[in-house]
Amino acid sequence: MSRTYGQRVYALVRRGPPGSVATYGQIAALLGNPRAARAVAAALRNAPNGGRIPCHRIVNRRGSMAPADVFGPGVQSALLRGEGVVFLPDGSVDMRRCLWQPQPSDLPAQP
């Protein structure tokens, strides 16, 4: 049985370690479609409650947080700070220091 795109997104996002972030585009590229960043965002927005998917670790390519209506004002940055993610003075994630660099073993099997 093949997994849906959303399930593949969730499986990959779960592999990102605490203290690091990934971008929507990075997740899309790792799943074989670098132009599907919006599909990744949609999948995360519709993630099942209680699924233990660390959606807060996904940011845009500039290191900016999701809109406040997704997590609530300040929630995403507070969760990331609690994991040790470093922020720049403008409030974005320091992507040089915190961008997840997955190893081949981190990648889920293709469907």
PDB file of N, CA and C in Angstrom:
ATOM      1  N   MET A   1       0.842  -1.176   0.000  1.00  0.00           N
ATOM      2  CA  MET A   1       0.000   0.000   0.000  1.00  0.00           C
ATOM      3  C   MET A   1       0.889   1.242   0.000  1.00  0.00           C
ATOM      4  N   SER A   2       0.672   2.136  -0.936  1.00  0.00           N
ATOM      5  CA  SER A   2       1.495   3.337  -0.985  1.00  0.00           C
ATOM      6  C   SER A   2       0.944   4.390  -0.029  1.00  0.00           C
ATOM      7  N   ARG A   3       1.842   5.208   0.472  1.00  0.00           N
ATOM      8  CA  ARG A   3       1.458   6.262   1.408  1.00  0.00           C
ATOM      9  C   ARG A   3       1.074   7.515   0.641  1.00  0.00           C
ATOM     10  N   THR A   4       0.202   8.306   1.245  1.00  0.00           N
ATOM     11  CA  THR A   4      -0.171   9.578   0.636  1.00  0.00           C
ATOM     12  C   THR A   4       1.004  10.543   0.758  1.00  0.00           C
ATOM     13  N   TYR A   5       0.932  11.626  -0.002  1.00  0.00           N
ATOM     14  CA  TYR A   5       1.984  12.638   0.074  1.00  0.00           C
ATOM     15  C   TYR A   5       2.082  13.182   1.492  1.00  0.00           C
ATOM     16  N   GLY A   6       0.951  13.440   2.101  1.00  0.00           N
ATOM     17  CA  GLY A   6       0.949  13.941   3.474  1.00  0.00           C
ATOM     18  C   GLY A   6       1.657  12.990   4.426  1.00  0.00           C
ATOM     19  N   GLN A   7       1.390  11.712   4.301  1.00  0.00           N
ATOM     20  CA  GLN A   7       2.044  10.726   5.161  1.00  0.00           C
ATOM     21  C   GLN A   7       3.550  10.716   4.947  1.00  0.00           C
ATOM     22  N   ARG A   8       3.971  10.897   3.697  1.00  0.00           N
ATOM     23  CA  ARG A   8       5.410  10.957   3.409  1.00  0.00           C
ATOM     24  C   ARG A   8       6.021  12.217   4.034  1.00  0.00           C
ATOM     25  N   VAL A   9       5.304  13.341   3.961  1.00  0.00           N
ATOM     26  CA  VAL A   9       5.770  14.583   4.596  1.00  0.00           C
ATOM     27  C   VAL A   9       5.918  14.349   6.090  1.00  0.00           C
ATOM     28  N   TYR A  10       4.900  13.794   6.735  1.00  0.00           N
ATOM     29  CA  TYR A  10       4.939  13.582   8.182  1.00  0.00           C
ATOM     30  C   TYR A  10       6.101  12.673   8.578  1.00  0.00           C
ATOM     31  N   ALA A  11       6.324  11.617   7.809  1.00  0.00           N
ATOM     32  CA  ALA A  11       7.414  10.688   8.121  1.00  0.00           C
ATOM     33  C   ALA A  11       8.761  11.395   8.073  1.00  0.00           C
ATOM     34  N   LEU A  12       8.946  12.260   7.083  1.00  0.00           N
ATOM     35  CA  LEU A  12      10.220  12.966   6.964  1.00  0.00           C
ATOM     36  C   LEU A  12      10.368  14.022   8.050  1.00  0.00           C
ATOM     37  N   VAL A  13       9.330  14.784   8.304  1.00  0.00           N
ATOM     38  CA  VAL A  13       9.394  15.836   9.319  1.00  0.00           C
ATOM     39  C   VAL A  13       9.690  15.239  10.694  1.00  0.00           C
ATOM     40  N   ARG A  14       9.160  14.065  10.978  1.00  0.00           N
ATOM     41  CA  ARG A  14       9.433  13.406  12.272  1.00  0.00           C
ATOM     42  C   ARG A  14      10.924  13.093  12.448  1.00  0.00           C
ATOM     43  N   ARG A  15      11.669  12.982  11.373  1.00  0.00           N
ATOM     44  CA  ARG A  15      13.084  12.626  11.452  1.00  0.00           C
ATOM     45  C   ARG A  15      13.997  13.821  11.740  1.00  0.00           C
ATOM     46  N   GLY A  16      13.472  15.020  11.596  1.00  0.00           N
ATOM     47  CA  GLY A  16      14.268  16.212  11.890  1.00  0.00           C
ATOM     48  C   GLY A  16      14.551  16.303  13.376  1.00  0.00           C
ATOM     49  N   PRO A  17      15.791  16.498  13.755  1.00  0.00           N
ATOM     50  CA  PRO A  17      16.141  16.490  15.176  1.00  0.00           C
ATOM     51  C   PRO A  17      15.767  17.786  15.893  1.00  0.00           C
ATOM     52  N   PRO A  18      15.515  17.706  17.190  1.00  0.00           N
ATOM     53  CA  PRO A  18      15.292  18.920  17.974  1.00  0.00           C
ATOM     54  C   PRO A  18      16.495  19.853  17.843  1.00  0.00           C
ATOM     55  N   GLY A  19      16.226  21.145  17.847  1.00  0.00           N
ATOM     56  CA  GLY A  19      17.304  22.121  17.737  1.00  0.00           C
ATOM     57  C   GLY A  19      17.658  22.474  16.309  1.00  0.00           C
ATOM     58  N   SER A  20      16.929  21.906  15.350  1.00  0.00           N
ATOM     59  CA  SER A  20      17.168  22.226  13.953  1.00  0.00           C
ATOM     60  C   SER A  20      15.838  22.517  13.277  1.00  0.00           C
ATOM     61  N   VAL A  21      15.924  23.149  12.116  1.00  0.00           N
ATOM     62  CA  VAL A  21      14.729  23.439  11.321  1.00  0.00           C
ATOM     63  C   VAL A  21      14.970  22.973   9.895  1.00  0.00           C
ATOM     64  N   ALA A  22      13.876  22.817   9.176  1.00  0.00           N
ATOM     65  CA  ALA A  22      13.920  22.541   7.741  1.00  0.00           C
ATOM     66  C   ALA A  22      12.977  23.538   7.088  1.00  0.00           C
ATOM     67  N   THR A  23      13.100  23.679   5.779  1.00  0.00           N
ATOM     68  CA  THR A  23      12.190  24.566   5.063  1.00  0.00           C
ATOM     69  C   THR A  23      11.158  23.725   4.318  1.00  0.00           C
ATOM     70  N   TYR A  24      10.049  24.380   3.976  1.00  0.00           N
ATOM     71  CA  TYR A  24       9.015  23.704   3.200  1.00  0.00           C
ATOM     72  C   TYR A  24       9.609  23.180   1.892  1.00  0.00           C
ATOM     73  N   GLY A  25      10.405  24.015   1.233  1.00  0.00           N
ATOM     74  CA  GLY A  25      11.028  23.617  -0.025  1.00  0.00           C
ATOM     75  C   GLY A  25      12.027  22.488   0.142  1.00  0.00           C
ATOM     76  N   GLN A  26      12.751  22.498   1.233  1.00  0.00           N
ATOM     77  CA  GLN A  26      13.713  21.428   1.499  1.00  0.00           C
ATOM     78  C   GLN A  26      12.988  20.090   1.649  1.00  0.00           C
ATOM     79  N   ILE A  27      11.898  20.092   2.407  1.00  0.00           N
ATOM     80  CA  ILE A  27      11.120  18.858   2.575  1.00  0.00           C
ATOM     81  C   ILE A  27      10.591  18.387   1.222  1.00  0.00           C
ATOM     82  N   ALA A  28      10.051  19.324   0.438  1.00  0.00           N
ATOM     83  CA  ALA A  28       9.537  18.973  -0.893  1.00  0.00           C
ATOM     84  C   ALA A  28      10.641  18.368  -1.757  1.00  0.00           C
ATOM     85  N   ALA A  29      11.815  18.982  -1.762  1.00  0.00           N
ATOM     86  CA  ALA A  29      12.933  18.483  -2.575  1.00  0.00           C
ATOM     87  C   ALA A  29      13.371  17.100  -2.112  1.00  0.00           C
ATOM     88  N   LEU A  30      13.446  16.899  -0.810  1.00  0.00           N
ATOM     89  CA  LEU A  30      13.853  15.594  -0.289  1.00  0.00           C
ATOM     90  C   LEU A  30      12.845  14.504  -0.648  1.00  0.00           C
ATOM     91  N   LEU A  31      11.597  14.919  -0.875  1.00  0.00           N
ATOM     92  CA  LEU A  31      10.575  13.951  -1.282  1.00  0.00           C
ATOM     93  C   LEU A  31      10.459  13.828  -2.793  1.00  0.00           C
ATOM     94  N   GLY A  32      11.362  14.493  -3.523  1.00  0.00           N
ATOM     95  CA  GLY A  32      11.431  14.316  -4.958  1.00  0.00           C
ATOM     96  C   GLY A  32      10.736  15.354  -5.806  1.00  0.00           C
ATOM     97  N   ASN A  33      10.156  16.396  -5.193  1.00  0.00           N
ATOM     98  CA  ASN A  33       9.487  17.426  -5.971  1.00  0.00           C
ATOM     99  C   ASN A  33       9.799  18.797  -5.388  1.00  0.00           C
ATOM    100  N   PRO A  34      10.928  19.392  -5.797  1.00  0.00           N
ATOM    101  CA  PRO A  34      11.363  20.654  -5.192  1.00  0.00           C
ATOM    102  C   PRO A  34      10.399  21.821  -5.389  1.00  0.00           C
ATOM    103  N   ARG A  35       9.432  21.683  -6.282  1.00  0.00           N
ATOM    104  CA  ARG A  35       8.474  22.768  -6.514  1.00  0.00           C
ATOM    105  C   ARG A  35       7.181  22.589  -5.722  1.00  0.00           C
ATOM    106  N   ALA A  36       7.174  21.670  -4.777  1.00  0.00           N
ATOM    107  CA  ALA A  36       5.953  21.353  -4.028  1.00  0.00           C
ATOM    108  C   ALA A  36       5.952  21.913  -2.611  1.00  0.00           C
ATOM    109  N   ALA A  37       6.624  23.032  -2.387  1.00  0.00           N
ATOM    110  CA  ALA A  37       6.683  23.614  -1.038  1.00  0.00           C
ATOM    111  C   ALA A  37       5.289  23.920  -0.500  1.00  0.00           C
ATOM    112  N   ARG A  38       4.411  24.406  -1.364  1.00  0.00           N
ATOM    113  CA  ARG A  38       3.048  24.718  -0.899  1.00  0.00           C
ATOM    114  C   ARG A  38       2.280  23.458  -0.536  1.00  0.00           C
ATOM    115  N   ALA A  39       2.546  22.373  -1.223  1.00  0.00           N
ATOM    116  CA  ALA A  39       1.893  21.102  -0.876  1.00  0.00           C
ATOM    117  C   ALA A  39       2.376  20.614   0.490  1.00  0.00           C
ATOM    118  N   VAL A  40       3.654  20.832   0.785  1.00  0.00           N
ATOM    119  CA  VAL A  40       4.193  20.483   2.101  1.00  0.00           C
ATOM    120  C   VAL A  40       3.495  21.330   3.162  1.00  0.00           C
ATOM    121  N   ALA A  41       3.380  22.633   2.920  1.00  0.00           N
ATOM    122  CA  ALA A  41       2.706  23.514   3.875  1.00  0.00           C
ATOM    123  C   ALA A  41       1.264  23.072   4.102  1.00  0.00           C
ATOM    124  N   ALA A  42       0.576  22.709   3.030  1.00  0.00           N
ATOM    125  CA  ALA A  42      -0.813  22.253   3.155  1.00  0.00           C
ATOM    126  C   ALA A  42      -0.892  20.963   3.973  1.00  0.00           C
ATOM    127  N   ALA A  43       0.018  20.044   3.724  1.00  0.00           N
ATOM    128  CA  ALA A  43       0.017  18.787   4.474  1.00  0.00           C
ATOM    129  C   ALA A  43       0.239  19.052   5.958  1.00  0.00           C
ATOM    130  N   LEU A  44       1.179  19.939   6.279  1.00  0.00           N
ATOM    131  CA  LEU A  44       1.456  20.239   7.683  1.00  0.00           C
ATOM    132  C   LEU A  44       0.291  20.978   8.337  1.00  0.00           C
ATOM    133  N   ARG A  45      -0.347  21.846   7.586  1.00  0.00           N
ATOM    134  CA  ARG A  45      -1.497  22.574   8.114  1.00  0.00           C
ATOM    135  C   ARG A  45      -2.629  21.602   8.458  1.00  0.00           C
ATOM    136  N   ASN A  46      -2.693  20.487   7.730  1.00  0.00           N
ATOM    137  CA  ASN A  46      -3.740  19.490   7.939  1.00  0.00           C
ATOM    138  C   ASN A  46      -3.258  18.271   8.718  1.00  0.00           C
ATOM    139  N   ALA A  47      -2.117  18.407   9.386  1.00  0.00           N
ATOM    140  CA  ALA A  47      -1.567  17.281  10.142  1.00  0.00           C
ATOM    141  C   ALA A  47      -2.545  16.840  11.228  1.00  0.00           C
ATOM    142  N   PRO A  48      -2.666  15.540  11.433  1.00  0.00           N
ATOM    143  CA  PRO A  48      -3.592  15.052  12.456  1.00  0.00           C
ATOM    144  C   PRO A  48      -3.140  15.450  13.859  1.00  0.00           C
ATOM    145  N   ASN A  49      -4.096  15.821  14.683  1.00  0.00           N
ATOM    146  CA  ASN A  49      -3.784  16.144  16.082  1.00  0.00           C
ATOM    147  C   ASN A  49      -3.301  14.884  16.774  1.00  0.00           C
ATOM    148  N   GLY A  50      -2.351  15.051  17.666  1.00  0.00           N
ATOM    149  CA  GLY A  50      -1.835  13.913  18.395  1.00  0.00           C
ATOM    150  C   GLY A  50      -0.911  13.033  17.584  1.00  0.00           C
ATOM    151  N   GLY A  51      -0.584  13.462  16.368  1.00  0.00           N
ATOM    152  CA  GLY A  51       0.268  12.655  15.512  1.00  0.00           C
ATOM    153  C   GLY A  51       1.743  12.775  15.821  1.00  0.00           C
ATOM    154  N   ARG A  52       2.069  13.597  16.792  1.00  0.00           N
ATOM    155  CA  ARG A  52       3.471  13.794  17.186  1.00  0.00           C
ATOM    156  C   ARG A  52       4.350  14.188  16.012  1.00  0.00           C
ATOM    157  N   ILE A  53       3.844  15.089  15.220  1.00  0.00           N
ATOM    158  CA  ILE A  53       4.594  15.601  14.086  1.00  0.00           C
ATOM    159  C   ILE A  53       5.131  16.968  14.482  1.00  0.00           C
ATOM    160  N   PRO A  54       6.442  17.145  14.531  1.00  0.00           N
ATOM    161  CA  PRO A  54       7.015  18.418  14.978  1.00  0.00           C
ATOM    162  C   PRO A  54       6.950  19.500  13.890  1.00  0.00           C
ATOM    163  N   CYS A  55       5.736  19.869  13.537  1.00  0.00           N
ATOM    164  CA  CYS A  55       5.510  20.861  12.478  1.00  0.00           C
ATOM    165  C   CYS A  55       6.190  22.189  12.772  1.00  0.00           C
ATOM    166  N   HIS A  56       6.398  22.477  14.046  1.00  0.00           N
ATOM    167  CA  HIS A  56       7.018  23.755  14.421  1.00  0.00           C
ATOM    168  C   HIS A  56       8.452  23.874  13.907  1.00  0.00           C
ATOM    169  N   ARG A  57       9.067  22.775  13.526  1.00  0.00           N
ATOM    170  CA  ARG A  57      10.452  22.810  13.028  1.00  0.00           C
ATOM    171  C   ARG A  57      10.554  23.156  11.551  1.00  0.00           C
ATOM    172  N   ILE A  58       9.436  23.457  10.911  1.00  0.00           N
ATOM    173  CA  ILE A  58       9.446  23.805   9.493  1.00  0.00           C
ATOM    174  C   ILE A  58       9.187  25.301   9.356  1.00  0.00           C
ATOM    175  N   VAL A  59      10.091  25.973   8.658  1.00  0.00           N
ATOM    176  CA  VAL A  59      10.016  27.426   8.464  1.00  0.00           C
ATOM    177  C   VAL A  59      10.152  27.731   6.978  1.00  0.00           C
ATOM    178  N   ASN A  60       9.960  28.993   6.611  1.00  0.00           N
ATOM    179  CA  ASN A  60      10.160  29.325   5.202  1.00  0.00           C
ATOM    180  C   ASN A  60      11.649  29.474   4.909  1.00  0.00           C
ATOM    181  N   ARG A  61      11.976  29.680   3.658  1.00  0.00           N
ATOM    182  CA  ARG A  61      13.394  29.683   3.240  1.00  0.00           C
ATOM    183  C   ARG A  61      14.209  30.798   3.869  1.00  0.00           C
ATOM    184  N   ARG A  62      13.542  31.814   4.382  1.00  0.00           N
ATOM    185  CA  ARG A  62      14.235  32.926   5.048  1.00  0.00           C
ATOM    186  C   ARG A  62      14.351  32.704   6.555  1.00  0.00           C
ATOM    187  N   GLY A  63      13.795  31.602   7.032  1.00  0.00           N
ATOM    188  CA  GLY A  63      13.835  31.315   8.460  1.00  0.00           C
ATOM    189  C   GLY A  63      12.712  31.969   9.242  1.00  0.00           C
ATOM    190  N   SER A  64      11.690  32.431   8.534  1.00  0.00           N
ATOM    191  CA  SER A  64      10.554  33.073   9.196  1.00  0.00           C
ATOM    192  C   SER A  64       9.524  32.037   9.623  1.00  0.00           C
ATOM    193  N   MET A  65       8.779  32.400  10.654  1.00  0.00           N
ATOM    194  CA  MET A  65       7.772  31.521  11.226  1.00  0.00           C
ATOM    195  C   MET A  65       6.530  31.450  10.337  1.00  0.00           C
ATOM    196  N   ALA A  66       5.725  30.432  10.584  1.00  0.00           N
ATOM    197  CA  ALA A  66       4.418  30.305   9.932  1.00  0.00           C
ATOM    198  C   ALA A  66       3.532  31.449  10.408  1.00  0.00           C
ATOM    199  N   PRO A  67       2.485  31.770   9.668  1.00  0.00           N
ATOM    200  CA  PRO A  67       1.569  32.817  10.134  1.00  0.00           C
ATOM    201  C   PRO A  67       1.057  32.502  11.538  1.00  0.00           C
ATOM    202  N   ALA A  68       0.816  33.546  12.327  1.00  0.00           N
ATOM    203  CA  ALA A  68       0.419  33.388  13.728  1.00  0.00           C
ATOM    204  C   ALA A  68      -0.842  32.554  13.896  1.00  0.00           C
ATOM    205  N   ASP A  69      -1.712  32.523  12.887  1.00  0.00           N
ATOM    206  CA  ASP A  69      -2.950  31.758  13.025  1.00  0.00           C
ATOM    207  C   ASP A  69      -2.727  30.250  12.927  1.00  0.00           C
ATOM    208  N   VAL A  70      -1.537  29.831  12.545  1.00  0.00           N
ATOM    209  CA  VAL A  70      -1.250  28.397  12.446  1.00  0.00           C
ATOM    210  C   VAL A  70      -0.978  27.808  13.826  1.00  0.00           C
ATOM    211  N   PHE A  71      -0.077  28.413  14.581  1.00  0.00           N
ATOM    212  CA  PHE A  71       0.299  27.906  15.900  1.00  0.00           C
ATOM    213  C   PHE A  71      -0.255  28.762  17.035  1.00  0.00           C
ATOM    214  N   GLY A  72      -0.550  30.001  16.742  1.00  0.00           N
ATOM    215  CA  GLY A  72      -0.878  30.989  17.762  1.00  0.00           C
ATOM    216  C   GLY A  72       0.295  31.942  17.859  1.00  0.00           C
ATOM    217  N   PRO A  73       0.040  33.186  18.248  1.00  0.00           N
ATOM    218  CA  PRO A  73       1.114  34.181  18.304  1.00  0.00           C
ATOM    219  C   PRO A  73       2.285  33.750  19.200  1.00  0.00           C
ATOM    220  N   GLY A  74       3.467  33.687  18.616  1.00  0.00           N
ATOM    221  CA  GLY A  74       4.684  33.387  19.366  1.00  0.00           C
ATOM    222  C   GLY A  74       4.906  31.943  19.735  1.00  0.00           C
ATOM    223  N   VAL A  75       3.982  31.060  19.430  1.00  0.00           N
ATOM    224  CA  VAL A  75       4.102  29.668  19.864  1.00  0.00           C
ATOM    225  C   VAL A  75       5.236  28.947  19.139  1.00  0.00           C
ATOM    226  N   GLN A  76       5.295  29.081  17.826  1.00  0.00           N
ATOM    227  CA  GLN A  76       6.324  28.371  17.059  1.00  0.00           C
ATOM    228  C   GLN A  76       7.720  28.801  17.505  1.00  0.00           C
ATOM    229  N   SER A  77       7.955  30.099  17.615  1.00  0.00           N
ATOM    230  CA  SER A  77       9.290  30.554  18.022  1.00  0.00           C
ATOM    231  C   SER A  77       9.608  30.112  19.449  1.00  0.00           C
ATOM    232  N   ALA A  78       8.614  30.096  20.328  1.00  0.00           N
ATOM    233  CA  ALA A  78       8.854  29.645  21.706  1.00  0.00           C
ATOM    234  C   ALA A  78       9.240  28.167  21.731  1.00  0.00           C
ATOM    235  N   LEU A  79       8.557  27.351  20.934  1.00  0.00           N
ATOM    236  CA  LEU A  79       8.899  25.927  20.861  1.00  0.00           C
ATOM    237  C   LEU A  79      10.321  25.738  20.338  1.00  0.00           C
ATOM    238  N   LEU A  80      10.667  26.485  19.303  1.00  0.00           N
ATOM    239  CA  LEU A  80      12.014  26.365  18.722  1.00  0.00           C
ATOM    240  C   LEU A  80      13.076  26.849  19.707  1.00  0.00           C
ATOM    241  N   ARG A  81      12.818  27.961  20.374  1.00  0.00           N
ATOM    242  CA  ARG A  81      13.778  28.455  21.374  1.00  0.00           C
ATOM    243  C   ARG A  81      13.976  27.420  22.479  1.00  0.00           C
ATOM    244  N   GLY A  82      12.893  26.763  22.865  1.00  0.00           N
ATOM    245  CA  GLY A  82      12.974  25.729  23.889  1.00  0.00           C
ATOM    246  C   GLY A  82      13.837  24.547  23.481  1.00  0.00           C
ATOM    247  N   GLU A  83      14.000  24.344  22.187  1.00  0.00           N
ATOM    248  CA  GLU A  83      14.857  23.270  21.668  1.00  0.00           C
ATOM    249  C   GLU A  83      16.280  23.747  21.409  1.00  0.00           C
ATOM    250  N   GLY A  84      16.531  25.038  21.618  1.00  0.00           N
ATOM    251  CA  GLY A  84      17.876  25.565  21.413  1.00  0.00           C
ATOM    252  C   GLY A  84      18.129  26.162  20.044  1.00  0.00           C
ATOM    253  N   VAL A  85      17.088  26.373  19.244  1.00  0.00           N
ATOM    254  CA  VAL A  85      17.259  26.997  17.939  1.00  0.00           C
ATOM    255  C   VAL A  85      17.688  28.444  18.149  1.00  0.00           C
ATOM    256  N   VAL A  86      18.653  28.877  17.359  1.00  0.00           N
ATOM    257  CA  VAL A  86      19.213  30.223  17.464  1.00  0.00           C
ATOM    258  C   VAL A  86      18.478  31.157  16.512  1.00  0.00           C
ATOM    259  N   PHE A  87      18.132  32.334  17.024  1.00  0.00           N
ATOM    260  CA  PHE A  87      17.425  33.337  16.235  1.00  0.00           C
ATOM    261  C   PHE A  87      18.320  34.544  15.982  1.00  0.00           C
ATOM    262  N   LEU A  88      18.079  35.195  14.869  1.00  0.00           N
ATOM    263  CA  LEU A  88      18.763  36.439  14.517  1.00  0.00           C
ATOM    264  C   LEU A  88      18.001  37.615  15.124  1.00  0.00           C
ATOM    265  N   PRO A  89      18.614  38.799  15.192  1.00  0.00           N
ATOM    266  CA  PRO A  89      17.925  39.957  15.768  1.00  0.00           C
ATOM    267  C   PRO A  89      16.591  40.298  15.102  1.00  0.00           C
ATOM    268  N   ASP A  90      16.418  39.955  13.829  1.00  0.00           N
ATOM    269  CA  ASP A  90      15.153  40.266  13.146  1.00  0.00           C
ATOM    270  C   ASP A  90      14.038  39.258  13.464  1.00  0.00           C
ATOM    271  N   GLY A  91      14.324  38.258  14.298  1.00  0.00           N
ATOM    272  CA  GLY A  91      13.325  37.284  14.698  1.00  0.00           C
ATOM    273  C   GLY A  91      13.271  36.030  13.839  1.00  0.00           C
ATOM    274  N   SER A  92      14.106  35.962  12.820  1.00  0.00           N
ATOM    275  CA  SER A  92      14.150  34.761  11.980  1.00  0.00           C
ATOM    276  C   SER A  92      15.182  33.781  12.537  1.00  0.00           C
ATOM    277  N   VAL A  93      15.054  32.533  12.130  1.00  0.00           N
ATOM    278  CA  VAL A  93      15.989  31.495  12.549  1.00  0.00           C
ATOM    279  C   VAL A  93      17.338  31.726  11.874  1.00  0.00           C
ATOM    280  N   ASP A  94      18.416  31.494  12.602  1.00  0.00           N
ATOM    281  CA  ASP A  94      19.752  31.545  12.025  1.00  0.00           C
ATOM    282  C   ASP A  94      19.927  30.262  11.196  1.00  0.00           C
ATOM    283  N   MET A  95      19.623  30.383   9.912  1.00  0.00           N
ATOM    284  CA  MET A  95      19.622  29.214   9.033  1.00  0.00           C
ATOM    285  C   MET A  95      21.012  28.621   8.855  1.00  0.00           C
ATOM    286  N   ARG A  96      22.042  29.434   8.952  1.00  0.00           N
ATOM    287  CA  ARG A  96      23.407  28.892   8.823  1.00  0.00           C
ATOM    288  C   ARG A  96      23.718  27.925   9.952  1.00  0.00           C
ATOM    289  N   ARG A  97      23.194  28.196  11.111  1.00  0.00           N
ATOM    290  CA  ARG A  97      23.500  27.368  12.275  1.00  0.00           C
ATOM    291  C   ARG A  97      22.483  26.260  12.512  1.00  0.00           C
ATOM    292  N   CYS A  98      21.253  26.462  12.085  1.00  0.00           N
ATOM    293  CA  CYS A  98      20.188  25.556  12.518  1.00  0.00           C
ATOM    294  C   CYS A  98      19.497  24.765  11.413  1.00  0.00           C
ATOM    295  N   LEU A  99      19.879  24.963  10.155  1.00  0.00           N
ATOM    296  CA  LEU A  99      19.224  24.220   9.084  1.00  0.00           C
ATOM    297  C   LEU A  99      19.616  22.738   9.163  1.00  0.00           C
ATOM    298  N   TRP A 100      18.616  21.890   9.154  1.00  0.00           N
ATOM    299  CA  TRP A 100      18.826  20.450   9.208  1.00  0.00           C
ATOM    300  C   TRP A 100      19.542  19.990   7.952  1.00  0.00           C
ATOM    301  N   GLN A 101      20.594  19.230   8.142  1.00  0.00           N
ATOM    302  CA  GLN A 101      21.348  18.638   7.039  1.00  0.00           C
ATOM    303  C   GLN A 101      21.178  17.120   7.125  1.00  0.00           C
ATOM    304  N   PRO A 102      20.088  16.603   6.548  1.00  0.00           N
ATOM    305  CA  PRO A 102      19.817  15.169   6.697  1.00  0.00           C
ATOM    306  C   PRO A 102      20.857  14.295   6.004  1.00  0.00           C
ATOM    307  N   GLN A 103      21.074  13.166   6.605  1.00  0.00           N
ATOM    308  CA  GLN A 103      21.931  12.135   6.032  1.00  0.00           C
ATOM    309  C   GLN A 103      21.033  11.172   5.243  1.00  0.00           C
ATOM    310  N   PRO A 104      21.588  10.412   4.339  1.00  0.00           N
ATOM    311  CA  PRO A 104      20.756   9.470   3.571  1.00  0.00           C
ATOM    312  C   PRO A 104      19.925   8.544   4.467  1.00  0.00           C
ATOM    313  N   SER A 105      20.460   8.188   5.610  1.00  0.00           N
ATOM    314  CA  SER A 105      19.718   7.294   6.522  1.00  0.00           C
ATOM    315  C   SER A 105      18.513   7.994   7.150  1.00  0.00           C
ATOM    316  N   ASP A 106      18.466   9.332   7.108  1.00  0.00           N
ATOM    317  CA  ASP A 106      17.335  10.083   7.637  1.00  0.00           C
ATOM    318  C   ASP A 106      16.131  10.054   6.715  1.00  0.00           C
ATOM    319  N   LEU A 107      16.361   9.741   5.443  1.00  0.00           N
ATOM    320  CA  LEU A 107      15.299   9.829   4.463  1.00  0.00           C
ATOM    321  C   LEU A 107      14.434   8.590   4.474  1.00  0.00           C
ATOM    322  N   PRO A 108      13.098   8.780   4.495  1.00  0.00           N
ATOM    323  CA  PRO A 108      12.221   7.608   4.464  1.00  0.00           C
ATOM    324  C   PRO A 108      12.260   6.920   3.114  1.00  0.00           C
ATOM    325  N   ALA A 109      11.932   5.666   3.107  1.00  0.00           N
ATOM    326  CA  ALA A 109      11.878   4.914   1.842  1.00  0.00           C
ATOM    327  C   ALA A 109      10.802   5.507   0.949  1.00  0.00           C
ATOM    328  N   GLN A 110      11.052   5.488  -0.334  1.00  0.00           N
ATOM    329  CA  GLN A 110      10.071   5.968  -1.296  1.00  0.00           C
ATOM    330  C   GLN A 110       8.923   4.967  -1.383  1.00  0.00           C
ATOM    331  N   PRO A 111       7.719   5.458  -1.727  1.00  0.00           N
ATOM    332  CA  PRO A 111       6.570   4.527  -1.798  1.00  0.00           C
ATOM    333  C   PRO A 111       6.720   3.520  -2.922  1.00  0.00           C
TER     334      PRO A 111
END
